[in-house]
């Protein structure tokens, strides 16, 4: 199996990558949004934030 970043043979310790460097490059791509799962765009809905809910004083009726 070859590393998806550089094409070298993989190392068991870093599988599916060949090294920590390539594993870190892949992680960085996920964290910066370089990888995108295809699909329809979804508009951000007004969803409750953590801590919002019926127990908060301003939400009691």
PDB file of N, CA and C in Angstrom:
ATOM      1  N   UNK A   1       0.849  -1.169   0.000  1.00  0.00           N
ATOM      2  CA  UNK A   1       0.000   0.000   0.000  1.00  0.00           C
ATOM      3  C   UNK A   1       0.898   1.236   0.000  1.00  0.00           C
ATOM      4  N   UNK A   2       0.483   2.270  -0.685  1.00  0.00           N
ATOM      5  CA  UNK A   2       1.288   3.480  -0.744  1.00  0.00           C
ATOM      6  C   UNK A   2       0.604   4.631  -0.009  1.00  0.00           C
ATOM      7  N   UNK A   3       1.416   5.538   0.492  1.00  0.00           N
ATOM      8  CA  UNK A   3       0.952   6.700   1.239  1.00  0.00           C
ATOM      9  C   UNK A   3       0.104   7.592   0.322  1.00  0.00           C
ATOM     10  N   UNK A   4      -1.086   8.006   0.770  1.00  0.00           N
ATOM     11  CA  UNK A   4      -1.936   8.852  -0.077  1.00  0.00           C
ATOM     12  C   UNK A   4      -1.399  10.275  -0.243  1.00  0.00           C
ATOM     13  N   UNK A   5      -0.421  10.666   0.560  1.00  0.00           N
ATOM     14  CA  UNK A   5       0.142  12.012   0.456  1.00  0.00           C
ATOM     15  C   UNK A   5       1.330  12.056  -0.486  1.00  0.00           C
ATOM     16  N   UNK A   6       2.311  11.145  -0.279  1.00  0.00           N
ATOM     17  CA  UNK A   6       3.542  11.230  -1.075  1.00  0.00           C
ATOM     18  C   UNK A   6       3.779  10.024  -1.984  1.00  0.00           C
ATOM     19  N   UNK A   7       3.045   8.934  -1.785  1.00  0.00           N
ATOM     20  CA  UNK A   7       3.184   7.770  -2.642  1.00  0.00           C
ATOM     21  C   UNK A   7       4.215   6.747  -2.188  1.00  0.00           C
ATOM     22  N   UNK A   8       4.964   7.024  -1.100  1.00  0.00           N
ATOM     23  CA  UNK A   8       5.940   6.060  -0.594  1.00  0.00           C
ATOM     24  C   UNK A   8       5.217   4.889   0.064  1.00  0.00           C
ATOM     25  N   UNK A   9       5.953   3.808   0.331  1.00  0.00           N
ATOM     26  CA  UNK A   9       5.376   2.667   1.038  1.00  0.00           C
ATOM     27  C   UNK A   9       4.959   3.092   2.442  1.00  0.00           C
ATOM     28  N   UNK A  10       3.848   2.536   2.920  1.00  0.00           N
ATOM     29  CA  UNK A  10       3.360   2.899   4.238  1.00  0.00           C
ATOM     30  C   UNK A  10       4.161   2.216   5.343  1.00  0.00           C
ATOM     31  N   UNK A  11       4.136   2.810   6.514  1.00  0.00           N
ATOM     32  CA  UNK A  11       4.733   2.250   7.719  1.00  0.00           C
ATOM     33  C   UNK A  11       3.584   1.839   8.632  1.00  0.00           C
ATOM     34  N   UNK A  12       3.705   0.667   9.246  1.00  0.00           N
ATOM     35  CA  UNK A  12       2.631   0.156  10.108  1.00  0.00           C
ATOM     36  C   UNK A  12       2.262   1.161  11.199  1.00  0.00           C
ATOM     37  N   UNK A  13       3.236   1.844  11.757  1.00  0.00           N
ATOM     38  CA  UNK A  13       2.994   2.794  12.847  1.00  0.00           C
ATOM     39  C   UNK A  13       2.117   3.966  12.416  1.00  0.00           C
ATOM     40  N   UNK A  14       2.198   4.366  11.145  1.00  0.00           N
ATOM     41  CA  UNK A  14       1.484   5.552  10.654  1.00  0.00           C
ATOM     42  C   UNK A  14       0.426   5.224   9.612  1.00  0.00           C
ATOM     43  N   UNK A  15       0.131   3.957   9.404  1.00  0.00           N
ATOM     44  CA  UNK A  15      -0.780   3.515   8.372  1.00  0.00           C
ATOM     45  C   UNK A  15      -2.048   4.335   8.365  1.00  0.00           C
ATOM     46  N   UNK A  16      -2.527   4.838   7.280  1.00  0.00           N
ATOM     47  CA  UNK A  16      -2.158   4.526   5.905  1.00  0.00           C
ATOM     48  C   UNK A  16      -1.056   5.419   5.341  1.00  0.00           C
ATOM     49  N   UNK A  17      -0.359   6.142   6.215  1.00  0.00           N
ATOM     50  CA  UNK A  17       0.687   7.053   5.770  1.00  0.00           C
ATOM     51  C   UNK A  17       2.065   6.420   5.944  1.00  0.00           C
ATOM     52  N   UNK A  18       3.080   7.096   5.421  1.00  0.00           N
ATOM     53  CA  UNK A  18       4.449   6.580   5.524  1.00  0.00           C
ATOM     54  C   UNK A  18       5.181   7.168   6.718  1.00  0.00           C
ATOM     55  N   UNK A  19       4.691   8.294   7.229  1.00  0.00           N
ATOM     56  CA  UNK A  19       5.397   8.976   8.311  1.00  0.00           C
ATOM     57  C   UNK A  19       4.448   9.890   9.072  1.00  0.00           C
ATOM     58  N   UNK A  20       4.931  10.380  10.218  1.00  0.00           N
ATOM     59  CA  UNK A  20       4.149  11.344  10.995  1.00  0.00           C
ATOM     60  C   UNK A  20       3.950  12.618  10.178  1.00  0.00           C
ATOM     61  N   UNK A  21       4.947  12.998   9.412  1.00  0.00           N
ATOM     62  CA  UNK A  21       4.851  14.211   8.583  1.00  0.00           C
ATOM     63  C   UNK A  21       3.665  14.129   7.630  1.00  0.00           C
ATOM     64  N   UNK A  22       3.531  13.015   6.916  1.00  0.00           N
ATOM     65  CA  UNK A  22       2.418  12.873   5.976  1.00  0.00           C
ATOM     66  C   UNK A  22       1.073  12.794   6.712  1.00  0.00           C
ATOM     67  N   UNK A  23       1.069  12.140   7.888  1.00  0.00           N
ATOM     68  CA  UNK A  23      -0.154  12.088   8.683  1.00  0.00           C
ATOM     69  C   UNK A  23      -0.553  13.494   9.122  1.00  0.00           C
ATOM     70  N   UNK A  24       0.425  14.315   9.518  1.00  0.00           N
ATOM     71  CA  UNK A  24       0.145  15.692   9.932  1.00  0.00           C
ATOM     72  C   UNK A  24      -0.320  16.551   8.757  1.00  0.00           C
ATOM     73  N   UNK A  25       0.240  16.331   7.589  1.00  0.00           N
ATOM     74  CA  UNK A  25      -0.203  17.058   6.397  1.00  0.00           C
ATOM     75  C   UNK A  25      -1.673  16.753   6.129  1.00  0.00           C
ATOM     76  N   UNK A  26      -2.044  15.473   6.223  1.00  0.00           N
ATOM     77  CA  UNK A  26      -3.425  15.074   5.996  1.00  0.00           C
ATOM     78  C   UNK A  26      -4.349  15.715   7.034  1.00  0.00           C
ATOM     79  N   UNK A  27      -3.970  15.682   8.299  1.00  0.00           N
ATOM     80  CA  UNK A  27      -4.773  16.294   9.348  1.00  0.00           C
ATOM     81  C   UNK A  27      -4.948  17.785   9.088  1.00  0.00           C
ATOM     82  N   UNK A  28      -3.878  18.451   8.709  1.00  0.00           N
ATOM     83  CA  UNK A  28      -3.951  19.875   8.394  1.00  0.00           C
ATOM     84  C   UNK A  28      -4.918  20.164   7.265  1.00  0.00           C
ATOM     85  N   UNK A  29      -4.958  19.305   6.283  1.00  0.00           N
ATOM     86  CA  UNK A  29      -5.900  19.492   5.166  1.00  0.00           C
ATOM     87  C   UNK A  29      -7.338  19.370   5.636  1.00  0.00           C
ATOM     88  N   UNK A  30      -7.609  18.426   6.553  1.00  0.00           N
ATOM     89  CA  UNK A  30      -8.967  18.290   7.101  1.00  0.00           C
ATOM     90  C   UNK A  30      -9.327  19.529   7.921  1.00  0.00           C
ATOM     91  N   UNK A  31      -8.393  19.994   8.748  1.00  0.00           N
ATOM     92  CA  UNK A  31      -8.693  21.105   9.644  1.00  0.00           C
ATOM     93  C   UNK A  31      -8.865  22.436   8.916  1.00  0.00           C
ATOM     94  N   UNK A  32      -8.214  22.599   7.777  1.00  0.00           N
ATOM     95  CA  UNK A  32      -8.349  23.854   7.027  1.00  0.00           C
ATOM     96  C   UNK A  32      -9.456  23.811   5.993  1.00  0.00           C
ATOM     97  N   UNK A  33     -10.139  22.668   5.869  1.00  0.00           N
ATOM     98  CA  UNK A  33     -11.246  22.571   4.921  1.00  0.00           C
ATOM     99  C   UNK A  33     -10.818  22.251   3.505  1.00  0.00           C
ATOM    100  N   UNK A  34      -9.595  21.786   3.308  1.00  0.00           N
ATOM    101  CA  UNK A  34      -9.148  21.428   1.961  1.00  0.00           C
ATOM    102  C   UNK A  34      -9.908  20.222   1.418  1.00  0.00           C
ATOM    103  N   UNK A  35     -10.316  19.337   2.324  1.00  0.00           N
ATOM    104  CA  UNK A  35     -11.104  18.179   1.916  1.00  0.00           C
ATOM    105  C   UNK A  35     -12.577  18.521   2.110  1.00  0.00           C
ATOM    106  N   UNK A  36     -13.379  18.222   1.108  1.00  0.00           N
ATOM    107  CA  UNK A  36     -14.804  18.502   1.191  1.00  0.00           C
ATOM    108  C   UNK A  36     -15.567  17.274   0.749  1.00  0.00           C
ATOM    109  N   UNK A  37     -16.577  16.917   1.501  1.00  0.00           N
ATOM    110  CA  UNK A  37     -17.447  15.815   1.111  1.00  0.00           C
ATOM    111  C   UNK A  37     -18.516  16.399   0.199  1.00  0.00           C
ATOM    112  N   UNK A  38     -18.647  15.879  -1.039  1.00  0.00           N
ATOM    113  CA  UNK A  38     -19.598  16.445  -1.980  1.00  0.00           C
ATOM    114  C   UNK A  38     -21.034  16.309  -1.479  1.00  0.00           C
ATOM    115  N   UNK A  39     -21.826  17.291  -1.809  1.00  0.00           N
ATOM    116  CA  UNK A  39     -23.236  17.266  -1.449  1.00  0.00           C
ATOM    117  C   UNK A  39     -23.839  18.640  -1.693  1.00  0.00           C
ATOM    118  N   UNK A  40     -25.123  18.735  -1.453  1.00  0.00           N
ATOM    119  CA  UNK A  40     -25.818  20.003  -1.622  1.00  0.00           C
ATOM    120  C   UNK A  40     -25.458  20.941  -0.473  1.00  0.00           C
ATOM    121  N   UNK A  41     -25.344  22.212  -0.782  1.00  0.00           N
ATOM    122  CA  UNK A  41     -25.064  23.200   0.252  1.00  0.00           C
ATOM    123  C   UNK A  41     -26.277  23.325   1.164  1.00  0.00           C
ATOM    124  N   UNK A  42     -26.014  23.443   2.444  1.00  0.00           N
ATOM    125  CA  UNK A  42     -27.088  23.581   3.420  1.00  0.00           C
ATOM    126  C   UNK A  42     -26.919  24.914   4.119  1.00  0.00           C
ATOM    127  N   UNK A  43     -28.005  25.700   4.150  1.00  0.00           N
ATOM    128  CA  UNK A  43     -27.940  26.976   4.847  1.00  0.00           C
ATOM    129  C   UNK A  43     -27.964  26.725   6.338  1.00  0.00           C
ATOM    130  N   UNK A  44     -27.224  27.525   7.065  1.00  0.00           N
ATOM    131  CA  UNK A  44     -27.174  27.397   8.511  1.00  0.00           C
ATOM    132  C   UNK A  44     -28.514  27.808   9.094  1.00  0.00           C
ATOM    133  N   UNK A  45     -29.157  26.890   9.779  1.00  0.00           N
ATOM    134  CA  UNK A  45     -30.455  27.165  10.372  1.00  0.00           C
ATOM    135  C   UNK A  45     -30.273  27.810  11.732  1.00  0.00           C
ATOM    136  N   UNK A  46     -31.302  28.466  12.202  1.00  0.00           N
ATOM    137  CA  UNK A  46     -31.296  28.997  13.557  1.00  0.00           C
ATOM    138  C   UNK A  46     -31.452  27.824  14.497  1.00  0.00           C
ATOM    139  N   UNK A  47     -30.345  27.303  14.966  1.00  0.00           N
ATOM    140  CA  UNK A  47     -30.402  26.173  15.883  1.00  0.00           C
ATOM    141  C   UNK A  47     -30.024  26.645  17.275  1.00  0.00           C
ATOM    142  N   UNK A  48     -30.568  25.988  18.280  1.00  0.00           N
ATOM    143  CA  UNK A  48     -30.241  26.392  19.650  1.00  0.00           C
ATOM    144  C   UNK A  48     -28.755  26.205  19.934  1.00  0.00           C
ATOM    145  N   UNK A  49     -28.203  27.141  20.657  1.00  0.00           N
ATOM    146  CA  UNK A  49     -26.801  27.043  21.061  1.00  0.00           C
ATOM    147  C   UNK A  49     -26.722  26.261  22.358  1.00  0.00           C
ATOM    148  N   UNK A  50     -25.572  25.684  22.640  1.00  0.00           N
ATOM    149  CA  UNK A  50     -25.418  24.996  23.928  1.00  0.00           C
ATOM    150  C   UNK A  50     -25.737  25.955  25.061  1.00  0.00           C
ATOM    151  N   UNK A  51     -26.528  25.509  25.998  1.00  0.00           N
ATOM    152  CA  UNK A  51     -26.917  26.363  27.117  1.00  0.00           C
ATOM    153  C   UNK A  51     -28.252  27.036  26.909  1.00  0.00           C
ATOM    154  N   UNK A  52     -28.719  27.147  25.663  1.00  0.00           N
ATOM    155  CA  UNK A  52     -30.051  27.690  25.402  1.00  0.00           C
ATOM    156  C   UNK A  52     -31.046  26.578  25.621  1.00  0.00           C
ATOM    157  N   UNK A  53     -32.124  26.880  26.175  1.00  0.00           N
ATOM    158  CA  UNK A  53     -33.133  25.850  26.376  1.00  0.00           C
ATOM    159  C   UNK A  53     -34.166  26.295  27.374  1.00  0.00           C
ATOM    160  N   UNK A  54     -35.125  25.424  27.643  1.00  0.00           N
ATOM    161  CA  UNK A  54     -36.237  25.806  28.490  1.00  0.00           C
ATOM    162  C   UNK A  54     -35.826  26.120  29.926  1.00  0.00           C
ATOM    163  N   UNK A  55     -34.675  25.689  30.373  1.00  0.00           N
ATOM    164  CA  UNK A  55     -34.254  25.929  31.740  1.00  0.00           C
ATOM    165  C   UNK A  55     -33.666  27.306  31.979  1.00  0.00           C
ATOM    166  N   UNK A  56     -33.393  28.052  30.928  1.00  0.00           N
ATOM    167  CA  UNK A  56     -32.808  29.386  31.090  1.00  0.00           C
ATOM    168  C   UNK A  56     -33.907  30.374  31.450  1.00  0.00           C
ATOM    169  N   UNK A  57     -33.662  31.288  32.381  1.00  0.00           N
ATOM    170  CA  UNK A  57     -34.703  32.218  32.846  1.00  0.00           C
ATOM    171  C   UNK A  57     -35.369  33.008  31.729  1.00  0.00           C
ATOM    172  N   UNK A  58     -34.589  33.455  30.748  1.00  0.00           N
ATOM    173  CA  UNK A  58     -35.205  34.268  29.677  1.00  0.00           C
ATOM    174  C   UNK A  58     -36.108  33.446  28.766  1.00  0.00           C
ATOM    175  N   UNK A  59     -36.032  32.105  28.865  1.00  0.00           N
ATOM    176  CA  UNK A  59     -36.854  31.235  28.026  1.00  0.00           C
ATOM    177  C   UNK A  59     -38.074  30.696  28.761  1.00  0.00           C
ATOM    178  N   UNK A  60     -38.218  31.032  30.033  1.00  0.00           N
ATOM    179  CA  UNK A  60     -39.371  30.551  30.792  1.00  0.00           C
ATOM    180  C   UNK A  60     -40.565  31.461  30.522  1.00  0.00           C
ATOM    181  N   UNK A  61     -41.728  30.868  30.338  1.00  0.00           N
ATOM    182  CA  UNK A  61     -42.949  31.656  30.065  1.00  0.00           C
ATOM    183  C   UNK A  61     -43.962  31.462  31.131  1.00  0.00           C
TER     184      UNK A  61
END
